[in-house]
Protein backbone atom coordinates (compact mmCIF):
# COMPACT_ATOMS: atom_id res chain seq x y z
CA MET A 1 -55.73 54.09 127.54
CA SER A 2 -55.46 50.76 125.82
CA THR A 3 -55.20 50.03 122.17
CA GLY A 4 -55.65 46.28 122.58
CA ASN A 5 -52.15 45.75 121.35
CA LEU A 6 -49.78 44.90 124.17
CA LEU A 7 -46.64 46.02 122.37
CA ALA A 8 -48.15 49.35 121.39
CA ASP A 9 -49.43 49.88 124.95
CA CYS A 10 -46.00 49.16 126.41
CA GLU A 11 -44.29 51.53 123.98
CA ARG A 12 -46.77 54.30 124.79
CA TRP A 13 -46.45 53.77 128.53
CA CYS A 14 -42.67 53.89 128.28
CA ARG A 15 -42.72 57.02 126.12
CA ASP A 16 -45.10 58.83 128.41
CA THR A 17 -43.77 57.68 131.79
CA LEU A 18 -39.99 57.24 131.60
CA PRO A 19 -37.64 60.27 131.37
CA ARG A 20 -35.98 60.89 128.08
CA ARG A 21 -32.36 59.99 127.61
CA PRO A 22 -29.91 62.84 127.24
CA VAL A 23 -28.97 63.49 123.62
CA ARG A 24 -25.49 62.16 123.00
CA THR A 25 -23.20 63.38 120.30
CA ALA A 26 -22.85 61.07 117.38
CA LEU A 27 -19.83 58.84 117.27
CA ARG A 28 -17.39 59.61 114.44
CA VAL A 29 -16.21 56.74 112.32
CA VAL A 30 -12.50 57.34 111.48
CA PRO A 31 -11.04 55.01 108.85
CA ALA A 32 -7.84 53.22 109.79
CA PRO A 33 -4.75 54.44 108.05
CA VAL A 34 -3.99 52.53 104.90
CA GLU A 35 -0.58 50.88 104.97
CA VAL A 36 1.13 50.85 101.62
CA PRO A 37 2.97 47.58 101.17
CA ARG A 38 6.60 47.79 100.34
CA PRO A 39 7.45 46.86 96.73
CA ALA A 40 9.06 43.50 96.24
CA PRO A 41 12.87 43.68 95.94
CA LEU A 42 14.26 43.55 92.44
CA ARG A 43 15.63 40.14 91.47
CA ARG A 44 18.39 41.52 89.25
CA GLY A 45 21.68 42.41 90.91
CA THR A 46 20.59 41.77 94.42
CA PHE A 47 22.68 38.74 95.17
CA ARG A 48 26.03 39.74 96.69
CA PRO A 49 27.89 36.80 98.25
CA GLY A 50 29.89 37.41 101.36
CA ALA A 51 33.53 36.55 101.87
CA ASP A 52 32.68 33.15 103.45
CA TRP A 53 30.43 32.03 100.55
CA PRO A 54 31.67 28.55 99.43
CA GLY A 55 31.37 29.38 95.71
CA LEU A 56 34.10 32.04 95.81
CA ALA A 57 36.87 29.58 96.50
CA ALA A 58 35.98 27.59 93.33
CA LEU A 59 35.92 30.80 91.32
CA ARG A 60 39.44 31.81 92.58
CA THR A 61 41.04 28.46 91.78
CA GLY A 62 39.52 28.20 88.35
CA SER A 63 38.28 24.67 88.90
C-alpha cells in the first residue's frame, strides 16, 4: 500500500507494524513553594551602639 508520499507511508508502516507503547500516567506539574521575602528592617530605633563604640566616650566627656 503506497500513497506516493514517503512520510505518510512511513507513518502508516510504523503504526501498523510496531507494537504500541504502554500508556503512561501523566506527569503532574507541582508549583514550587513561593518564598515570602522578609520585610526590610525598620530604620528608626534600630541603631544600638555597643560598649566599645568610639562615639560613647565623646558623649561621656561632654566634648
